[in-house]
Full PDB file with SEQRES, HELIX, SHEET, SSBOND, CRYST1, ORIGX, SCALE, CONECT and MASTER records, all heavy atoms in Angstrom:
SEQRES   1 A   35  THR MET ALA TRP TYR ARG GLN ALA PRO GLY LYS GLN ARG          
SEQRES   2 A   35  GLU LEU VAL ALA GLN ILE THR SER GLY GLY THR THR ASN          
SEQRES   3 A   35  TYR ALA ASP PHE VAL LYS GLY ARG PHE                          
HELIX    1 AA1 ASP A   29  VAL A   31  5                                   3    
SHEET    1 AA1 3 MET A   2  ARG A   6  0                                        
SHEET    2 AA1 3 GLU A  14  ILE A  19 -1                                        
SHEET    3 AA1 3 THR A  25  TYR A  27 -1                                        
CRYST1    1.000    1.000    1.000  90.00  90.00  90.00 P 1           1          
ORIGX1      1.000000  0.000000  0.000000        0.00000                         
ORIGX2      0.000000  1.000000  0.000000        0.00000                         
ORIGX3      0.000000  0.000000  1.000000        0.00000                         
SCALE1      1.000000  0.000000  0.000000        0.00000                         
SCALE2      0.000000  1.000000  0.000000        0.00000                         
SCALE3      0.000000  0.000000  1.000000        0.00000                         
ATOM      1  N   THR A   1      24.445  -1.058 -35.569  1.00  0.00           N  
ATOM      2  CA  THR A   1      24.263  -2.422 -36.026  1.00  0.00           C  
ATOM      3  C   THR A   1      23.347  -2.372 -37.240  1.00  0.00           C  
ATOM      4  O   THR A   1      22.283  -1.755 -37.199  1.00  0.00           O  
ATOM      5  CB  THR A   1      23.630  -3.297 -34.927  1.00  0.00           C  
ATOM      6  OG1 THR A   1      24.594  -3.502 -33.881  1.00  0.00           O  
ATOM      7  CG2 THR A   1      23.210  -4.653 -35.474  1.00  0.00           C  
ATOM      8  N   MET A   2      23.790  -3.004 -38.317  1.00  0.00           N  
ATOM      9  CA  MET A   2      23.024  -3.023 -39.550  1.00  0.00           C  
ATOM     10  C   MET A   2      22.471  -4.429 -39.777  1.00  0.00           C  
ATOM     11  O   MET A   2      23.125  -5.427 -39.465  1.00  0.00           O  
ATOM     12  CB  MET A   2      23.890  -2.620 -40.732  1.00  0.00           C  
ATOM     13  CG  MET A   2      24.495  -1.230 -40.618  1.00  0.00           C  
ATOM     14  SD  MET A   2      23.259   0.071 -40.477  1.00  0.00           S  
ATOM     15  CE  MET A   2      22.400  -0.092 -42.065  1.00  0.00           C  
ATOM     16  N   ALA A   3      21.282  -4.475 -40.316  1.00  0.00           N  
ATOM     17  CA  ALA A   3      20.643  -5.771 -40.492  1.00  0.00           C  
ATOM     18  C   ALA A   3      19.786  -5.774 -41.749  1.00  0.00           C  
ATOM     19  O   ALA A   3      19.385  -4.726 -42.256  1.00  0.00           O  
ATOM     20  CB  ALA A   3      19.785  -6.111 -39.279  1.00  0.00           C  
ATOM     21  N   TRP A   4      19.515  -6.970 -42.212  1.00  0.00           N  
ATOM     22  CA  TRP A   4      18.553  -7.210 -43.284  1.00  0.00           C  
ATOM     23  C   TRP A   4      17.420  -8.064 -42.718  1.00  0.00           C  
ATOM     24  O   TRP A   4      17.666  -9.081 -42.062  1.00  0.00           O  
ATOM     25  CB  TRP A   4      19.188  -7.934 -44.463  1.00  0.00           C  
ATOM     26  CG  TRP A   4      20.128  -7.081 -45.248  1.00  0.00           C  
ATOM     27  CD1 TRP A   4      21.485  -7.002 -45.104  1.00  0.00           C  
ATOM     28  CD2 TRP A   4      19.786  -6.185 -46.308  1.00  0.00           C  
ATOM     29  NE1 TRP A   4      22.003  -6.105 -45.999  1.00  0.00           N  
ATOM     30  CE2 TRP A   4      20.981  -5.588 -46.763  1.00  0.00           C  
ATOM     31  CE3 TRP A   4      18.587  -5.823 -46.928  1.00  0.00           C  
ATOM     32  CZ2 TRP A   4      21.008  -4.659 -47.801  1.00  0.00           C  
ATOM     33  CZ3 TRP A   4      18.616  -4.906 -47.955  1.00  0.00           C  
ATOM     34  CH2 TRP A   4      19.817  -4.321 -48.392  1.00  0.00           C  
ATOM     35  N   TYR A   5      16.205  -7.616 -42.985  1.00  0.00           N  
ATOM     36  CA  TYR A   5      15.005  -8.365 -42.654  1.00  0.00           C  
ATOM     37  C   TYR A   5      14.276  -8.672 -43.957  1.00  0.00           C  
ATOM     38  O   TYR A   5      14.556  -8.054 -44.994  1.00  0.00           O  
ATOM     39  CB  TYR A   5      14.079  -7.547 -41.748  1.00  0.00           C  
ATOM     40  CG  TYR A   5      14.521  -7.421 -40.316  1.00  0.00           C  
ATOM     41  CD1 TYR A   5      15.598  -6.615 -39.956  1.00  0.00           C  
ATOM     42  CD2 TYR A   5      13.848  -8.096 -39.304  1.00  0.00           C  
ATOM     43  CE1 TYR A   5      16.003  -6.501 -38.629  1.00  0.00           C  
ATOM     44  CE2 TYR A   5      14.237  -7.986 -37.970  1.00  0.00           C  
ATOM     45  CZ  TYR A   5      15.306  -7.183 -37.651  1.00  0.00           C  
ATOM     46  OH  TYR A   5      15.698  -7.070 -36.338  1.00  0.00           O  
ATOM     47  N   ARG A   6      13.333  -9.577 -43.877  1.00  0.00           N  
ATOM     48  CA  ARG A   6      12.492  -9.833 -45.043  1.00  0.00           C  
ATOM     49  C   ARG A   6      11.061 -10.118 -44.605  1.00  0.00           C  
ATOM     50  O   ARG A   6      10.821 -10.554 -43.481  1.00  0.00           O  
ATOM     51  CB  ARG A   6      13.038 -10.989 -45.879  1.00  0.00           C  
ATOM     52  CG  ARG A   6      12.882 -12.358 -45.254  1.00  0.00           C  
ATOM     53  CD  ARG A   6      13.576 -13.407 -46.133  1.00  0.00           C  
ATOM     54  NE  ARG A   6      13.314 -14.771 -45.675  1.00  0.00           N  
ATOM     55  CZ  ARG A   6      13.903 -15.844 -46.197  1.00  0.00           C  
ATOM     56  NH1 ARG A   6      14.795 -15.716 -47.181  1.00  0.00           N  
ATOM     57  NH2 ARG A   6      13.606 -17.047 -45.747  1.00  0.00           N  
ATOM     58  N   GLN A   7      10.152  -9.853 -45.520  1.00  0.00           N  
ATOM     59  CA  GLN A   7       8.734 -10.118 -45.261  1.00  0.00           C  
ATOM     60  C   GLN A   7       8.089 -10.668 -46.515  1.00  0.00           C  
ATOM     61  O   GLN A   7       8.053  -9.986 -47.544  1.00  0.00           O  
ATOM     62  CB  GLN A   7       8.019  -8.845 -44.791  1.00  0.00           C  
ATOM     63  CG  GLN A   7       6.597  -9.095 -44.322  1.00  0.00           C  
ATOM     64  CD  GLN A   7       6.017  -7.906 -43.583  1.00  0.00           C  
ATOM     65  OE1 GLN A   7       6.494  -6.779 -43.705  1.00  0.00           O  
ATOM     66  NE2 GLN A   7       4.995  -8.139 -42.794  1.00  0.00           N  
ATOM     67  N   ALA A   8       7.624 -11.893 -46.420  1.00  0.00           N  
ATOM     68  CA  ALA A   8       6.901 -12.531 -47.513  1.00  0.00           C  
ATOM     69  C   ALA A   8       5.414 -12.244 -47.350  1.00  0.00           C  
ATOM     70  O   ALA A   8       4.948 -11.957 -46.243  1.00  0.00           O  
ATOM     71  CB  ALA A   8       7.171 -14.022 -47.515  1.00  0.00           C  
ATOM     72  N   PRO A   9       4.659 -12.331 -48.432  1.00  0.00           N  
ATOM     73  CA  PRO A   9       3.205 -12.064 -48.357  1.00  0.00           C  
ATOM     74  C   PRO A   9       2.534 -12.942 -47.305  1.00  0.00           C  
ATOM     75  O   PRO A   9       2.729 -14.166 -47.285  1.00  0.00           O  
ATOM     76  CB  PRO A   9       2.721 -12.390 -49.758  1.00  0.00           C  
ATOM     77  CG  PRO A   9       3.906 -12.160 -50.636  1.00  0.00           C  
ATOM     78  CD  PRO A   9       5.088 -12.590 -49.818  1.00  0.00           C  
ATOM     79  N   GLY A  10       1.763 -12.323 -46.431  1.00  0.00           N  
ATOM     80  CA  GLY A  10       1.033 -13.065 -45.416  1.00  0.00           C  
ATOM     81  C   GLY A  10       1.858 -13.535 -44.242  1.00  0.00           C  
ATOM     82  O   GLY A  10       1.341 -14.239 -43.372  1.00  0.00           O  
ATOM     83  N   LYS A  11       3.127 -13.137 -44.200  1.00  0.00           N  
ATOM     84  CA  LYS A  11       4.005 -13.579 -43.117  1.00  0.00           C  
ATOM     85  C   LYS A  11       4.562 -12.377 -42.366  1.00  0.00           C  
ATOM     86  O   LYS A  11       4.552 -11.254 -42.855  1.00  0.00           O  
ATOM     87  CB  LYS A  11       5.151 -14.433 -43.663  1.00  0.00           C  
ATOM     88  CG  LYS A  11       4.696 -15.748 -44.269  1.00  0.00           C  
ATOM     89  CD  LYS A  11       5.886 -16.622 -44.607  1.00  0.00           C  
ATOM     90  CE  LYS A  11       5.448 -17.980 -45.125  1.00  0.00           C  
ATOM     91  NZ  LYS A  11       6.601 -18.869 -45.431  1.00  0.00           N  
ATOM     92  N   GLN A  12       5.067 -12.655 -41.159  1.00  0.00           N  
ATOM     93  CA  GLN A  12       5.666 -11.592 -40.371  1.00  0.00           C  
ATOM     94  C   GLN A  12       7.070 -11.273 -40.887  1.00  0.00           C  
ATOM     95  O   GLN A  12       7.737 -12.112 -41.498  1.00  0.00           O  
ATOM     96  CB  GLN A  12       5.751 -12.023 -38.902  1.00  0.00           C  
ATOM     97  CG  GLN A  12       4.414 -12.069 -38.194  1.00  0.00           C  
ATOM     98  CD  GLN A  12       4.552 -12.254 -36.697  1.00  0.00           C  
ATOM     99  OE1 GLN A  12       5.534 -12.848 -36.229  1.00  0.00           O  
ATOM    100  NE2 GLN A  12       3.593 -11.767 -35.938  1.00  0.00           N  
ATOM    101  N   ARG A  13       7.505 -10.065 -40.618  1.00  0.00           N  
ATOM    102  CA  ARG A  13       8.863  -9.670 -40.962  1.00  0.00           C  
ATOM    103  C   ARG A  13       9.829 -10.466 -40.082  1.00  0.00           C  
ATOM    104  O   ARG A  13       9.596 -10.627 -38.874  1.00  0.00           O  
ATOM    105  CB  ARG A  13       9.048  -8.176 -40.752  1.00  0.00           C  
ATOM    106  CG  ARG A  13      10.316  -7.615 -41.331  1.00  0.00           C  
ATOM    107  CD  ARG A  13      10.339  -6.097 -41.264  1.00  0.00           C  
ATOM    108  NE  ARG A  13       9.283  -5.490 -42.064  1.00  0.00           N  
ATOM    109  CZ  ARG A  13       9.195  -4.180 -42.306  1.00  0.00           C  
ATOM    110  NH1 ARG A  13      10.100  -3.355 -41.829  1.00  0.00           N  
ATOM    111  NH2 ARG A  13       8.199  -3.702 -43.027  1.00  0.00           N  
ATOM    112  N   GLU A  14      10.916 -10.954 -40.691  1.00  0.00           N  
ATOM    113  CA  GLU A  14      11.869 -11.777 -39.960  1.00  0.00           C  
ATOM    114  C   GLU A  14      13.297 -11.339 -40.236  1.00  0.00           C  
ATOM    115  O   GLU A  14      13.607 -10.854 -41.333  1.00  0.00           O  
ATOM    116  CB  GLU A  14      11.703 -13.257 -40.333  1.00  0.00           C  
ATOM    117  CG  GLU A  14      11.881 -13.581 -41.800  1.00  0.00           C  
ATOM    118  CD  GLU A  14      11.562 -15.018 -42.148  1.00  0.00           C  
ATOM    119  OE1 GLU A  14      11.209 -15.817 -41.247  1.00  0.00           O  
ATOM    120  OE2 GLU A  14      11.660 -15.365 -43.348  1.00  0.00           O  
ATOM    121  N   LEU A  15      14.136 -11.531 -39.230  1.00  0.00           N  
ATOM    122  CA  LEU A  15      15.544 -11.190 -39.365  1.00  0.00           C  
ATOM    123  C   LEU A  15      16.236 -12.190 -40.281  1.00  0.00           C  
ATOM    124  O   LEU A  15      16.092 -13.398 -40.118  1.00  0.00           O  
ATOM    125  CB  LEU A  15      16.215 -11.186 -38.001  1.00  0.00           C  
ATOM    126  CG  LEU A  15      17.728 -10.933 -37.980  1.00  0.00           C  
ATOM    127  CD1 LEU A  15      18.044  -9.521 -38.429  1.00  0.00           C  
ATOM    128  CD2 LEU A  15      18.289 -11.192 -36.581  1.00  0.00           C  
ATOM    129  N   VAL A  16      17.021 -11.672 -41.214  1.00  0.00           N  
ATOM    130  CA  VAL A  16      17.801 -12.509 -42.113  1.00  0.00           C  
ATOM    131  C   VAL A  16      19.256 -12.575 -41.645  1.00  0.00           C  
ATOM    132  O   VAL A  16      19.822 -13.653 -41.487  1.00  0.00           O  
ATOM    133  CB  VAL A  16      17.731 -11.972 -43.553  1.00  0.00           C  
ATOM    134  CG1 VAL A  16      18.650 -12.769 -44.471  1.00  0.00           C  
ATOM    135  CG2 VAL A  16      16.299 -11.976 -44.070  1.00  0.00           C  
ATOM    136  N   ALA A  17      19.847 -11.404 -41.420  1.00  0.00           N  
ATOM    137  CA  ALA A  17      21.253 -11.336 -41.012  1.00  0.00           C  
ATOM    138  C   ALA A  17      21.517  -9.969 -40.412  1.00  0.00           C  
ATOM    139  O   ALA A  17      20.831  -8.996 -40.730  1.00  0.00           O  
ATOM    140  CB  ALA A  17      22.177 -11.565 -42.204  1.00  0.00           C  
ATOM    141  N   GLN A  18      22.510  -9.911 -39.532  1.00  0.00           N  
ATOM    142  CA  GLN A  18      22.907  -8.639 -38.977  1.00  0.00           C  
ATOM    143  C   GLN A  18      24.415  -8.584 -38.812  1.00  0.00           C  
ATOM    144  O   GLN A  18      25.084  -9.617 -38.741  1.00  0.00           O  
ATOM    145  CB  GLN A  18      22.227  -8.361 -37.643  1.00  0.00           C  
ATOM    146  CG  GLN A  18      22.685  -9.243 -36.498  1.00  0.00           C  
ATOM    147  CD  GLN A  18      22.045  -8.843 -35.179  1.00  0.00           C  
ATOM    148  OE1 GLN A  18      20.926  -8.335 -35.139  1.00  0.00           O  
ATOM    149  NE2 GLN A  18      22.756  -9.077 -34.091  1.00  0.00           N  
ATOM    150  N   ILE A  19      24.951  -7.360 -38.772  1.00  0.00           N  
ATOM    151  CA  ILE A  19      26.378  -7.150 -38.554  1.00  0.00           C  
ATOM    152  C   ILE A  19      26.532  -5.976 -37.603  1.00  0.00           C  
ATOM    153  O   ILE A  19      25.957  -4.904 -37.825  1.00  0.00           O  
ATOM    154  CB  ILE A  19      27.111  -6.936 -39.901  1.00  0.00           C  
ATOM    155  CG1 ILE A  19      28.618  -6.778 -39.667  1.00  0.00           C  
ATOM    156  CG2 ILE A  19      26.540  -5.766 -40.686  1.00  0.00           C  
ATOM    157  CD1 ILE A  19      29.435  -6.888 -40.966  1.00  0.00           C  
ATOM    158  N   THR A  20      27.289  -6.183 -36.545  1.00  0.00           N  
ATOM    159  CA  THR A  20      27.460  -5.143 -35.545  1.00  0.00           C  
ATOM    160  C   THR A  20      28.480  -4.101 -36.007  1.00  0.00           C  
ATOM    161  O   THR A  20      29.153  -4.276 -37.035  1.00  0.00           O  
ATOM    162  CB  THR A  20      27.928  -5.734 -34.214  1.00  0.00           C  
ATOM    163  OG1 THR A  20      29.266  -6.236 -34.383  1.00  0.00           O  
ATOM    164  CG2 THR A  20      27.013  -6.859 -33.752  1.00  0.00           C  
ATOM    165  N   SER A  21      28.614  -3.053 -35.224  1.00  0.00           N  
ATOM    166  CA  SER A  21      29.603  -2.025 -35.545  1.00  0.00           C  
ATOM    167  C   SER A  21      31.008  -2.604 -35.533  1.00  0.00           C  
ATOM    168  O   SER A  21      31.894  -2.120 -36.253  1.00  0.00           O  
ATOM    169  CB  SER A  21      29.504  -0.862 -34.557  1.00  0.00           C  
ATOM    170  OG  SER A  21      29.693  -1.321 -33.228  1.00  0.00           O  
ATOM    171  N   GLY A  22      31.220  -3.655 -34.759  1.00  0.00           N  
ATOM    172  CA  GLY A  22      32.530  -4.290 -34.686  1.00  0.00           C  
ATOM    173  C   GLY A  22      32.754  -5.363 -35.725  1.00  0.00           C  
ATOM    174  O   GLY A  22      33.828  -5.974 -35.778  1.00  0.00           O  
ATOM    175  N   GLY A  23      31.716  -5.640 -36.534  1.00  0.00           N  
ATOM    176  CA  GLY A  23      31.870  -6.615 -37.609  1.00  0.00           C  
ATOM    177  C   GLY A  23      31.393  -8.012 -37.277  1.00  0.00           C  
ATOM    178  O   GLY A  23      31.528  -8.928 -38.101  1.00  0.00           O  
ATOM    179  N   THR A  24      30.824  -8.212 -36.095  1.00  0.00           N  
ATOM    180  CA  THR A  24      30.289  -9.528 -35.749  1.00  0.00           C  
ATOM    181  C   THR A  24      29.000  -9.782 -36.515  1.00  0.00           C  
ATOM    182  O   THR A  24      28.121  -8.921 -36.544  1.00  0.00           O  
ATOM    183  CB  THR A  24      30.014  -9.621 -34.243  1.00  0.00           C  
ATOM    184  OG1 THR A  24      31.235  -9.413 -33.533  1.00  0.00           O  
ATOM    185  CG2 THR A  24      29.451 -10.989 -33.877  1.00  0.00           C  
ATOM    186  N   THR A  25      28.903 -10.954 -37.108  1.00  0.00           N  
ATOM    187  CA  THR A  25      27.742 -11.278 -37.923  1.00  0.00           C  
ATOM    188  C   THR A  25      26.889 -12.360 -37.270  1.00  0.00           C  
ATOM    189  O   THR A  25      27.366 -13.171 -36.482  1.00  0.00           O  
ATOM    190  CB  THR A  25      28.158 -11.748 -39.317  1.00  0.00           C  
ATOM    191  OG1 THR A  25      29.020 -12.883 -39.187  1.00  0.00           O  
ATOM    192  CG2 THR A  25      28.897 -10.656 -40.069  1.00  0.00           C  
ATOM    193  N   ASN A  26      25.625 -12.335 -37.638  1.00  0.00           N  
ATOM    194  CA  ASN A  26      24.674 -13.328 -37.144  1.00  0.00           C  
ATOM    195  C   ASN A  26      23.673 -13.599 -38.255  1.00  0.00           C  
ATOM    196  O   ASN A  26      23.237 -12.657 -38.933  1.00  0.00           O  
ATOM    197  CB  ASN A  26      23.961 -12.801 -35.897  1.00  0.00           C  
ATOM    198  CG  ASN A  26      23.039 -13.829 -35.281  1.00  0.00           C  
ATOM    199  OD1 ASN A  26      23.411 -14.980 -35.123  1.00  0.00           O  
ATOM    200  ND2 ASN A  26      21.838 -13.416 -34.930  1.00  0.00           N  
ATOM    201  N   TYR A  27      23.310 -14.875 -38.438  1.00  0.00           N  
ATOM    202  CA  TYR A  27      22.431 -15.255 -39.533  1.00  0.00           C  
ATOM    203  C   TYR A  27      21.272 -16.101 -39.033  1.00  0.00           C  
ATOM    204  O   TYR A  27      21.418 -16.900 -38.107  1.00  0.00           O  
ATOM    205  CB  TYR A  27      23.195 -16.067 -40.585  1.00  0.00           C  
ATOM    206  CG  TYR A  27      24.300 -15.315 -41.260  1.00  0.00           C  
ATOM    207  CD1 TYR A  27      25.597 -15.345 -40.769  1.00  0.00           C  
ATOM    208  CD2 TYR A  27      24.049 -14.558 -42.406  1.00  0.00           C  
ATOM    209  CE1 TYR A  27      26.614 -14.641 -41.381  1.00  0.00           C  
ATOM    210  CE2 TYR A  27      25.068 -13.864 -43.038  1.00  0.00           C  
ATOM    211  CZ  TYR A  27      26.350 -13.909 -42.519  1.00  0.00           C  
ATOM    212  OH  TYR A  27      27.354 -13.213 -43.139  1.00  0.00           O  
ATOM    213  N   ALA A  28      20.137 -15.941 -39.702  1.00  0.00           N  
ATOM    214  CA  ALA A  28      19.030 -16.862 -39.460  1.00  0.00           C  
ATOM    215  C   ALA A  28      19.421 -18.233 -39.993  1.00  0.00           C  
ATOM    216  O   ALA A  28      20.162 -18.343 -40.982  1.00  0.00           O  
ATOM    217  CB  ALA A  28      17.777 -16.362 -40.165  1.00  0.00           C  
ATOM    218  N   ASP A  29      18.925 -19.271 -39.349  1.00  0.00           N  
ATOM    219  CA  ASP A  29      19.288 -20.629 -39.758  1.00  0.00           C  
ATOM    220  C   ASP A  29      18.952 -20.898 -41.216  1.00  0.00           C  
ATOM    221  O   ASP A  29      19.672 -21.631 -41.898  1.00  0.00           O  
ATOM    222  CB  ASP A  29      18.568 -21.646 -38.860  1.00  0.00           C  
ATOM    223  CG  ASP A  29      19.169 -21.724 -37.468  1.00  0.00           C  
ATOM    224  OD1 ASP A  29      20.311 -21.240 -37.278  1.00  0.00           O  
ATOM    225  OD2 ASP A  29      18.507 -22.258 -36.564  1.00  0.00           O  
ATOM    226  N   PHE A  30      17.874 -20.301 -41.703  1.00  0.00           N  
ATOM    227  CA  PHE A  30      17.430 -20.624 -43.059  1.00  0.00           C  
ATOM    228  C   PHE A  30      18.306 -20.005 -44.146  1.00  0.00           C  
ATOM    229  O   PHE A  30      18.105 -20.288 -45.328  1.00  0.00           O  
ATOM    230  CB  PHE A  30      15.950 -20.238 -43.269  1.00  0.00           C  
ATOM    231  CG  PHE A  30      15.603 -18.819 -42.895  1.00  0.00           C  
ATOM    232  CD1 PHE A  30      15.914 -17.766 -43.740  1.00  0.00           C  
ATOM    233  CD2 PHE A  30      14.960 -18.551 -41.708  1.00  0.00           C  
ATOM    234  CE1 PHE A  30      15.589 -16.462 -43.396  1.00  0.00           C  
ATOM    235  CE2 PHE A  30      14.628 -17.250 -41.348  1.00  0.00           C  
ATOM    236  CZ  PHE A  30      14.943 -16.208 -42.195  1.00  0.00           C  
ATOM    237  N   VAL A  31      19.276 -19.167 -43.788  1.00  0.00           N  
ATOM    238  CA  VAL A  31      20.177 -18.603 -44.796  1.00  0.00           C  
ATOM    239  C   VAL A  31      21.640 -18.939 -44.537  1.00  0.00           C  
ATOM    240  O   VAL A  31      22.508 -18.590 -45.343  1.00  0.00           O  
ATOM    241  CB  VAL A  31      20.029 -17.073 -44.934  1.00  0.00           C  
ATOM    242  CG1 VAL A  31      18.600 -16.711 -45.273  1.00  0.00           C  
ATOM    243  CG2 VAL A  31      20.512 -16.357 -43.673  1.00  0.00           C  
ATOM    244  N   LYS A  32      21.927 -19.609 -43.432  1.00  0.00           N  
ATOM    245  CA  LYS A  32      23.326 -19.930 -43.121  1.00  0.00           C  
ATOM    246  C   LYS A  32      23.957 -20.734 -44.240  1.00  0.00           C  
ATOM    247  O   LYS A  32      23.373 -21.701 -44.734  1.00  0.00           O  
ATOM    248  CB  LYS A  32      23.395 -20.698 -41.810  1.00  0.00           C  
ATOM    249  CG  LYS A  32      23.259 -19.826 -40.578  1.00  0.00           C  
ATOM    250  CD  LYS A  32      23.411 -20.627 -39.292  1.00  0.00           C  
ATOM    251  CE  LYS A  32      23.278 -19.739 -38.075  1.00  0.00           C  
ATOM    252  NZ  LYS A  32      23.359 -20.494 -36.807  1.00  0.00           N  
ATOM    253  N   GLY A  33      25.145 -20.304 -44.640  1.00  0.00           N  
ATOM    254  CA  GLY A  33      25.868 -20.972 -45.707  1.00  0.00           C  
ATOM    255  C   GLY A  33      25.500 -20.500 -47.090  1.00  0.00           C  
ATOM    256  O   GLY A  33      26.157 -20.869 -48.075  1.00  0.00           O  
ATOM    257  N   ARG A  34      24.448 -19.693 -47.207  1.00  0.00           N  
ATOM    258  CA  ARG A  34      24.020 -19.197 -48.523  1.00  0.00           C  
ATOM    259  C   ARG A  34      24.157 -17.677 -48.640  1.00  0.00           C  
ATOM    260  O   ARG A  34      24.464 -17.166 -49.716  1.00  0.00           O  
ATOM    261  CB  ARG A  34      22.563 -19.592 -48.793  1.00  0.00           C  
ATOM    262  CG  ARG A  34      22.309 -21.076 -48.794  1.00  0.00           C  
ATOM    263  CD  ARG A  34      20.881 -21.399 -49.269  1.00  0.00           C  
ATOM    264  NE  ARG A  34      19.857 -20.836 -48.406  1.00  0.00           N  
ATOM    265  CZ  ARG A  34      18.871 -20.044 -48.831  1.00  0.00           C  
ATOM    266  NH1 ARG A  34      18.798 -19.715 -50.119  1.00  0.00           N  
ATOM    267  NH2 ARG A  34      17.959 -19.596 -47.994  1.00  0.00           N  
ATOM    268  N   PHE A  35      23.881 -16.961 -47.562  1.00  0.00           N  
ATOM    269  CA  PHE A  35      23.903 -15.502 -47.581  1.00  0.00           C  
ATOM    270  C   PHE A  35      25.093 -14.997 -46.773  1.00  0.00           C  
ATOM    271  O   PHE A  35      25.489 -15.606 -45.776  1.00  0.00           O  
ATOM    272  CB  PHE A  35      22.630 -14.931 -46.959  1.00  0.00           C  
ATOM    273  CG  PHE A  35      21.359 -15.150 -47.744  1.00  0.00           C  
ATOM    274  CD1 PHE A  35      21.297 -15.994 -48.838  1.00  0.00           C  
ATOM    275  CD2 PHE A  35      20.201 -14.484 -47.363  1.00  0.00           C  
ATOM    276  CE1 PHE A  35      20.130 -16.190 -49.539  1.00  0.00           C  
ATOM    277  CE2 PHE A  35      19.009 -14.666 -48.054  1.00  0.00           C  
ATOM    278  CZ  PHE A  35      18.982 -15.534 -49.139  1.00  0.00           C  
TER     279      PHE A  35                                                      
MASTER        0    0    0    1    3    0    0    6  278    1    0    3          
END                                                                             
């Protein structure tokens, strides 16, 4: 499973999006429709 996380200054690392080996995707609410 591959994923992208991000970390802004002073904030915790957070999940942005992930894709499983089978191609299923999942997105954080703050990027849905954009990423």
